[in-house]
């Protein structure tokens, strides 16, 4: 299978989370992918997540409920381990829908609300750091 080339930053959609045109940093240094979540509530067997950020207008503040979730330990670039909730979702690149595992993190102080890591990128994409929004431009030629 030929790998598609993506840039260091991509605009992507998470249709099942009702999040569209989200700026994502493609991070080959990160193993897992992460998404900004402003509020996480465990309610019985369900995980309730609010995706809101005043710095990222496409994070509308809608709550999404997950029946299935897990937790995982994530080691940050500064060496600290953090236990995070992990969800399964879908993401769109080049008009194609892929399954993706996302850890939930507070990324309000970060430029990008989403990080896409090696676990997802592996066997699908090559990253060209000189490019940006390759998938978005190809899927939306009128917005190039």
C-alpha atoms as a PDB file:
ATOM      1  CA  UNK A   1       0.000   0.000   0.000  1.00  0.00           C
ATOM      2  CA  UNK A   2       1.345   3.434  -0.907  1.00  0.00           C
ATOM      3  CA  UNK A   3       1.560   5.898   1.954  1.00  0.00           C
ATOM      4  CA  UNK A   4       0.056   9.349   1.459  1.00  0.00           C
ATOM      5  CA  UNK A   5       2.135  12.427   2.245  1.00  0.00           C
ATOM      6  CA  UNK A   6       0.764  14.794   4.877  1.00  0.00           C
ATOM      7  CA  UNK A   7       2.149  17.999   6.308  1.00  0.00           C
ATOM      8  CA  UNK A   8       3.321  18.915   9.804  1.00  0.00           C
ATOM      9  CA  UNK A   9      -0.099  20.507  10.419  1.00  0.00           C
ATOM     10  CA  UNK A  10      -3.416  19.246   9.028  1.00  0.00           C
ATOM     11  CA  UNK A  11      -7.055  20.325   9.242  1.00  0.00           C
ATOM     12  CA  UNK A  12      -9.090  17.221  10.037  1.00  0.00           C
ATOM     13  CA  UNK A  13     -12.628  16.176  10.944  1.00  0.00           C
ATOM     14  CA  UNK A  14     -13.912  14.001  13.766  1.00  0.00           C
ATOM     15  CA  UNK A  15     -17.519  13.414  12.600  1.00  0.00           C
ATOM     16  CA  UNK A  16     -18.579  11.217  15.533  1.00  0.00           C
ATOM     17  CA  UNK A  17     -17.389  13.959  17.933  1.00  0.00           C
ATOM     18  CA  UNK A  18     -19.110  16.673  15.865  1.00  0.00           C
ATOM     19  CA  UNK A  19     -15.746  18.445  15.401  1.00  0.00           C
ATOM     20  CA  UNK A  20     -14.817  19.761  11.949  1.00  0.00           C
ATOM     21  CA  UNK A  21     -11.854  21.673  10.455  1.00  0.00           C
ATOM     22  CA  UNK A  22      -9.780  21.039  13.557  1.00  0.00           C
ATOM     23  CA  UNK A  23      -6.115  22.059  13.493  1.00  0.00           C
ATOM     24  CA  UNK A  24      -3.929  19.063  14.321  1.00  0.00           C
ATOM     25  CA  UNK A  25      -0.195  18.889  14.834  1.00  0.00           C
ATOM     26  CA  UNK A  26       1.324  15.814  13.232  1.00  0.00           C
ATOM     27  CA  UNK A  27       3.783  14.706  15.900  1.00  0.00           C
ATOM     28  CA  UNK A  28       6.142  11.884  14.951  1.00  0.00           C
ATOM     29  CA  UNK A  29       7.743  12.223  18.385  1.00  0.00           C
ATOM     30  CA  UNK A  30       4.520  11.227  20.134  1.00  0.00           C
ATOM     31  CA  UNK A  31       3.357   7.610  20.218  1.00  0.00           C
ATOM     32  CA  UNK A  32      -0.297   8.242  21.057  1.00  0.00           C
ATOM     33  CA  UNK A  33      -2.733  10.758  19.615  1.00  0.00           C
ATOM     34  CA  UNK A  34      -4.395  13.261  21.949  1.00  0.00           C
ATOM     35  CA  UNK A  35      -7.385  15.586  21.796  1.00  0.00           C
ATOM     36  CA  UNK A  36      -8.271  18.550  23.983  1.00  0.00           C
ATOM     37  CA  UNK A  37     -11.131  17.878  26.355  1.00  0.00           C
ATOM     38  CA  UNK A  38     -12.219  20.648  28.723  1.00  0.00           C
ATOM     39  CA  UNK A  39     -14.369  18.552  31.061  1.00  0.00           C
ATOM     40  CA  UNK A  40     -14.413  14.816  31.780  1.00  0.00           C
ATOM     41  CA  UNK A  41     -17.059  13.223  33.997  1.00  0.00           C
ATOM     42  CA  UNK A  42     -17.370   9.533  34.823  1.00  0.00           C
ATOM     43  CA  UNK A  43     -21.078   8.818  35.295  1.00  0.00           C
ATOM     44  CA  UNK A  44     -21.608   5.178  36.216  1.00  0.00           C
ATOM     45  CA  UNK A  45     -20.395   3.161  33.227  1.00  0.00           C
ATOM     46  CA  UNK A  46     -20.305   6.189  30.904  1.00  0.00           C
ATOM     47  CA  UNK A  47     -17.663   8.815  30.196  1.00  0.00           C
ATOM     48  CA  UNK A  48     -19.008  12.314  29.479  1.00  0.00           C
ATOM     49  CA  UNK A  49     -16.640  14.654  27.661  1.00  0.00           C
ATOM     50  CA  UNK A  50     -17.058  18.312  26.784  1.00  0.00           C
ATOM     51  CA  UNK A  51     -15.012  19.521  23.837  1.00  0.00           C
ATOM     52  CA  UNK A  52     -14.741  23.272  24.388  1.00  0.00           C
ATOM     53  CA  UNK A  53     -11.919  25.762  24.063  1.00  0.00           C
ATOM     54  CA  UNK A  54     -12.165  29.537  23.743  1.00  0.00           C
ATOM     55  CA  UNK A  55      -8.873  29.479  21.824  1.00  0.00           C
ATOM     56  CA  UNK A  56     -10.212  26.988  19.278  1.00  0.00           C
ATOM     57  CA  UNK A  57     -13.591  28.158  17.927  1.00  0.00           C
ATOM     58  CA  UNK A  58     -14.446  24.829  16.275  1.00  0.00           C
ATOM     59  CA  UNK A  59     -14.534  23.225  19.722  1.00  0.00           C
ATOM     60  CA  UNK A  60     -18.200  24.068  20.227  1.00  0.00           C
ATOM     61  CA  UNK A  61     -18.730  22.923  23.810  1.00  0.00           C
ATOM     62  CA  UNK A  62     -20.982  19.997  22.970  1.00  0.00           C
ATOM     63  CA  UNK A  63     -20.879  17.064  25.348  1.00  0.00           C
ATOM     64  CA  UNK A  64     -20.204  13.604  23.919  1.00  0.00           C
ATOM     65  CA  UNK A  65     -21.011  10.438  25.886  1.00  0.00           C
ATOM     66  CA  UNK A  66     -18.909   7.294  25.501  1.00  0.00           C
ATOM     67  CA  UNK A  67     -20.191   3.876  26.526  1.00  0.00           C
ATOM     68  CA  UNK A  68     -16.761   2.379  26.012  1.00  0.00           C
ATOM     69  CA  UNK A  69     -13.445   3.832  27.186  1.00  0.00           C
ATOM     70  CA  UNK A  70     -10.243   2.853  28.944  1.00  0.00           C
ATOM     71  CA  UNK A  71      -7.312   4.473  30.716  1.00  0.00           C
ATOM     72  CA  UNK A  72      -3.666   4.463  29.742  1.00  0.00           C
ATOM     73  CA  UNK A  73      -0.395   5.892  31.019  1.00  0.00           C
ATOM     74  CA  UNK A  74       1.148   8.537  28.763  1.00  0.00           C
ATOM     75  CA  UNK A  75       4.698   9.804  29.206  1.00  0.00           C
ATOM     76  CA  UNK A  76       5.065  13.424  28.115  1.00  0.00           C
ATOM     77  CA  UNK A  77       8.108  14.915  26.438  1.00  0.00           C
ATOM     78  CA  UNK A  78       9.261  16.263  29.815  1.00  0.00           C
ATOM     79  CA  UNK A  79       9.290  12.730  31.255  1.00  0.00           C
ATOM     80  CA  UNK A  80       6.189  12.917  33.461  1.00  0.00           C
ATOM     81  CA  UNK A  81       3.734  10.021  33.378  1.00  0.00           C
ATOM     82  CA  UNK A  82       0.037  10.837  33.373  1.00  0.00           C
ATOM     83  CA  UNK A  83      -2.926   8.463  33.481  1.00  0.00           C
ATOM     84  CA  UNK A  84      -5.431   9.525  30.816  1.00  0.00           C
ATOM     85  CA  UNK A  85      -8.776   8.377  29.545  1.00  0.00           C
ATOM     86  CA  UNK A  86      -8.646   6.829  26.075  1.00  0.00           C
ATOM     87  CA  UNK A  87     -11.510   6.720  23.579  1.00  0.00           C
ATOM     88  CA  UNK A  88     -11.993   5.231  20.129  1.00  0.00           C
ATOM     89  CA  UNK A  89     -13.261   7.546  17.431  1.00  0.00           C
ATOM     90  CA  UNK A  90     -13.030   8.271  13.717  1.00  0.00           C
ATOM     91  CA  UNK A  91     -10.947  10.838  11.843  1.00  0.00           C
ATOM     92  CA  UNK A  92     -11.032  11.919   8.212  1.00  0.00           C
ATOM     93  CA  UNK A  93      -7.894  12.411   6.094  1.00  0.00           C
ATOM     94  CA  UNK A  94      -8.112  12.858   2.296  1.00  0.00           C
ATOM     95  CA  UNK A  95     -11.861  12.201   2.448  1.00  0.00           C
ATOM     96  CA  UNK A  96     -11.307   8.732   3.946  1.00  0.00           C
ATOM     97  CA  UNK A  97     -12.510   7.747   7.417  1.00  0.00           C
ATOM     98  CA  UNK A  98     -10.038   5.989   9.731  1.00  0.00           C
ATOM     99  CA  UNK A  99     -10.433   4.559  13.225  1.00  0.00           C
ATOM    100  CA  UNK A 100      -8.276   6.308  15.813  1.00  0.00           C
ATOM    101  CA  UNK A 101      -7.465   5.960  19.517  1.00  0.00           C
ATOM    102  CA  UNK A 102      -7.343   9.308  21.303  1.00  0.00           C
ATOM    103  CA  UNK A 103      -6.234  10.144  24.808  1.00  0.00           C
ATOM    104  CA  UNK A 104      -8.104  12.996  26.480  1.00  0.00           C
ATOM    105  CA  UNK A 105      -5.999  15.875  27.724  1.00  0.00           C
ATOM    106  CA  UNK A 106      -6.333  19.521  28.687  1.00  0.00           C
ATOM    107  CA  UNK A 107      -4.557  21.320  25.858  1.00  0.00           C
ATOM    108  CA  UNK A 108      -5.892  24.853  26.446  1.00  0.00           C
ATOM    109  CA  UNK A 109      -2.363  26.208  26.742  1.00  0.00           C
ATOM    110  CA  UNK A 110      -1.248  24.503  23.514  1.00  0.00           C
ATOM    111  CA  UNK A 111      -1.411  25.960  20.009  1.00  0.00           C
ATOM    112  CA  UNK A 112      -3.011  22.808  18.582  1.00  0.00           C
ATOM    113  CA  UNK A 113      -5.994  21.090  20.222  1.00  0.00           C
ATOM    114  CA  UNK A 114      -5.071  17.755  18.621  1.00  0.00           C
ATOM    115  CA  UNK A 115      -1.838  15.777  18.320  1.00  0.00           C
ATOM    116  CA  UNK A 116      -1.650  12.900  15.862  1.00  0.00           C
ATOM    117  CA  UNK A 117       1.009  10.395  16.932  1.00  0.00           C
ATOM    118  CA  UNK A 118       2.949   7.492  15.433  1.00  0.00           C
ATOM    119  CA  UNK A 119       0.477   4.816  16.500  1.00  0.00           C
ATOM    120  CA  UNK A 120      -2.061   6.267  14.047  1.00  0.00           C
ATOM    121  CA  UNK A 121       0.392   7.426  11.351  1.00  0.00           C
ATOM    122  CA  UNK A 122       2.199   4.095  11.038  1.00  0.00           C
ATOM    123  CA  UNK A 123       1.699   2.284   7.720  1.00  0.00           C
ATOM    124  CA  UNK A 124      -0.635   5.026   6.421  1.00  0.00           C
ATOM    125  CA  UNK A 125       1.209   8.334   6.071  1.00  0.00           C
ATOM    126  CA  UNK A 126       4.580   9.960   5.481  1.00  0.00           C
ATOM    127  CA  UNK A 127       5.144  13.400   7.004  1.00  0.00           C
ATOM    128  CA  UNK A 128       6.745  16.200   5.004  1.00  0.00           C
ATOM    129  CA  UNK A 129       7.525  18.975   7.498  1.00  0.00           C
ATOM    130  CA  UNK A 130       7.671  21.558   4.698  1.00  0.00           C
ATOM    131  CA  UNK A 131       3.946  21.089   3.961  1.00  0.00           C
ATOM    132  CA  UNK A 132       0.702  22.042   5.711  1.00  0.00           C
ATOM    133  CA  UNK A 133      -2.962  21.038   5.265  1.00  0.00           C
ATOM    134  CA  UNK A 134      -2.275  18.646   2.374  1.00  0.00           C
ATOM    135  CA  UNK A 135      -5.317  16.487   3.153  1.00  0.00           C
ATOM    136  CA  UNK A 136      -7.605  19.502   3.577  1.00  0.00           C
ATOM    137  CA  UNK A 137      -6.460  21.162   0.336  1.00  0.00           C
ATOM    138  CA  UNK A 138      -6.878  17.946  -1.634  1.00  0.00           C
ATOM    139  CA  UNK A 139     -10.353  17.306  -0.168  1.00  0.00           C
ATOM    140  CA  UNK A 140     -11.438  20.972  -0.524  1.00  0.00           C
ATOM    141  CA  UNK A 141      -9.735  22.351  -3.644  1.00  0.00           C
ATOM    142  CA  UNK A 142     -11.784  25.573  -3.571  1.00  0.00           C
ATOM    143  CA  UNK A 143     -10.257  26.438  -0.160  1.00  0.00           C
ATOM    144  CA  UNK A 144      -6.612  26.051  -1.236  1.00  0.00           C
END
